[in-house]
Amino acid sequence: MAYFGFEPDERFRSTWGPVIDVYENAREIVIRAELPGVRRNDIHLRWRDGVLTITGTKERQIPRPGHGRFLCMERQYGRFRRDIAIKAPIELGNSAAELRNGVLRVRLAKTASRGPEATIPIEER
């Protein structure tokens, strides 16, 4: 079983972060993050020293002048960051990410040895 943890970087505090699920099977570790309303180009994934970092920005959607006003505003906007420490060797060449229906799914392929720092591209479907 892989151990994972959450280690926020104190230098990058945001007011919100996506909620996530992390699970594994014999071949991979899968992270699913809820990111409704966030565009693929506004999400960045980085793998470094056993930590997957998900960063990005969710833009505030404000009505145009003359088209109404907010009566309630509960959704969260702005920059976000999630750091997920994975205590298992990962093969980035066989890992992938996709954004579908507001859910980011990152598949990290398990391997026998640790790999270098890298970014992971995100497919949109």
Protein backbone atom coordinates (compact mmCIF):
# COMPACT_ATOMS: atom_id res chain seq x y z
CA MET A 1 0.00 0.00 0.00
CA ALA A 2 1.29 3.47 -0.87
CA TYR A 3 1.33 6.09 1.83
CA PHE A 4 0.22 9.58 0.92
CA GLY A 5 0.04 12.78 2.87
CA PHE A 6 -0.93 16.40 2.44
CA GLU A 7 1.81 18.94 2.92
CA PRO A 8 0.77 22.52 2.11
CA ASP A 9 3.52 24.97 1.27
CA GLU A 10 3.21 27.84 3.75
CA ARG A 11 4.46 30.32 1.12
CA PHE A 12 1.45 29.62 -1.12
CA ARG A 13 -1.69 30.00 0.95
CA SER A 14 -5.00 30.19 -0.85
CA THR A 15 -8.51 30.57 0.45
CA TRP A 16 -9.68 27.31 -1.10
CA GLY A 17 -8.50 24.03 -2.53
CA PRO A 18 -10.15 21.32 -4.55
CA VAL A 19 -11.46 18.30 -2.67
CA ILE A 20 -9.75 15.08 -3.71
CA ASP A 21 -10.00 11.30 -3.59
CA VAL A 22 -6.84 9.17 -3.70
CA TYR A 23 -6.91 5.43 -4.30
CA GLU A 24 -4.59 2.75 -5.61
CA ASN A 25 -4.62 -0.62 -7.28
CA ALA A 26 -1.77 -2.98 -8.20
CA ARG A 27 -0.64 -0.83 -11.17
CA GLU A 28 -1.29 2.80 -10.28
CA ILE A 29 -2.28 5.51 -7.83
CA VAL A 30 -5.25 7.61 -8.91
CA ILE A 31 -6.06 11.12 -7.71
CA ARG A 32 -9.41 12.72 -8.55
CA ALA A 33 -9.87 16.43 -7.83
CA GLU A 34 -13.12 18.37 -8.19
CA LEU A 35 -12.44 21.47 -10.31
CA PRO A 36 -15.77 22.61 -11.77
CA GLY A 37 -15.48 25.78 -13.80
CA VAL A 38 -11.67 25.59 -14.07
CA ARG A 39 -10.22 25.52 -17.58
CA ARG A 40 -7.58 22.91 -18.47
CA ASN A 41 -5.04 25.63 -19.31
CA ASP A 42 -5.46 27.09 -15.80
CA ILE A 43 -4.40 23.83 -14.09
CA HIS A 44 -0.76 22.78 -13.66
CA LEU A 45 0.61 19.47 -12.40
CA ARG A 46 4.17 18.97 -11.16
CA TRP A 47 5.90 15.89 -9.79
CA ARG A 48 8.97 16.54 -7.62
CA ASP A 49 10.62 14.52 -4.85
CA GLY A 50 7.63 12.24 -4.37
CA VAL A 51 5.06 15.06 -4.24
CA LEU A 52 2.34 15.73 -6.82
CA THR A 53 1.46 19.43 -6.81
CA ILE A 54 -1.80 20.63 -8.36
CA THR A 55 -1.97 24.40 -8.83
CA GLY A 56 -4.21 26.72 -10.75
CA THR A 57 -6.72 29.51 -10.76
CA LYS A 58 -10.50 29.56 -10.83
CA GLU A 59 -11.70 32.85 -12.28
CA ARG A 60 -14.59 34.67 -10.61
CA GLN A 61 -17.66 34.89 -12.81
CA ILE A 62 -19.27 38.30 -12.30
CA PRO A 63 -22.45 39.43 -14.06
CA ARG A 64 -21.90 42.14 -16.65
CA PRO A 65 -23.12 45.60 -15.62
CA GLY A 66 -26.87 45.83 -16.07
CA HIS A 67 -27.32 42.02 -16.06
CA GLY A 68 -28.03 41.54 -12.37
CA ARG A 69 -26.34 41.42 -8.99
CA PHE A 70 -25.37 38.69 -6.55
CA LEU A 71 -27.79 37.84 -3.77
CA CYS A 72 -25.63 34.99 -2.48
CA MET A 73 -22.04 34.02 -3.32
CA GLU A 74 -20.82 30.72 -1.82
CA ARG A 75 -18.59 29.33 -4.58
CA GLN A 76 -14.89 29.87 -4.10
CA TYR A 77 -12.50 31.51 -6.56
CA GLY A 78 -8.86 32.45 -6.90
CA ARG A 79 -5.58 30.58 -6.78
CA PHE A 80 -5.38 27.09 -5.35
CA ARG A 81 -2.73 24.52 -4.54
CA ARG A 82 -2.78 20.93 -3.31
CA ASP A 83 0.39 19.00 -2.46
CA ILE A 84 -0.01 15.23 -2.26
CA ALA A 85 3.00 13.26 -1.01
CA ILE A 86 3.13 9.80 -2.56
CA LYS A 87 5.49 7.37 -0.81
CA ALA A 88 5.75 4.98 -3.76
CA PRO A 89 8.03 5.06 -6.84
CA ILE A 90 6.21 6.48 -9.88
CA GLU A 91 6.91 6.04 -13.62
CA LEU A 92 5.99 9.40 -15.15
CA GLY A 93 6.32 8.13 -18.72
CA ASN A 94 3.29 5.89 -18.15
CA SER A 95 1.33 8.40 -16.06
CA ALA A 96 -1.47 10.57 -17.43
CA ALA A 97 -4.05 13.18 -16.50
CA GLU A 98 -7.39 14.21 -17.93
CA LEU A 99 -10.04 16.79 -17.16
CA ARG A 100 -13.60 15.63 -17.79
CA ASN A 101 -16.84 17.21 -16.56
CA GLY A 102 -15.03 19.33 -13.98
CA VAL A 103 -13.09 16.40 -12.47
CA LEU A 104 -9.32 16.14 -12.89
CA ARG A 105 -8.12 12.53 -12.86
CA VAL A 106 -4.38 11.90 -12.48
CA ARG A 107 -3.14 8.33 -12.96
CA LEU A 108 0.37 7.74 -11.54
CA ALA A 109 1.88 4.46 -12.75
CA LYS A 110 3.78 2.54 -10.07
CA THR A 111 7.34 1.37 -10.77
CA ALA A 112 10.31 -0.12 -8.96
CA SER A 113 12.51 3.04 -8.96
CA ARG A 114 11.97 6.76 -8.45
CA GLY A 115 11.89 9.11 -11.44
CA PRO A 116 12.98 12.74 -11.96
CA GLU A 117 11.04 15.97 -11.54
CA ALA A 118 8.54 16.60 -14.35
CA THR A 119 5.24 18.13 -15.35
CA ILE A 120 2.27 16.03 -16.41
CA PRO A 121 0.14 17.23 -19.35
CA ILE A 122 -3.65 17.27 -18.93
CA GLU A 123 -5.98 16.00 -21.64
CA GLU A 124 -9.45 17.52 -21.95
CA ARG A 125 -12.37 15.30 -22.86
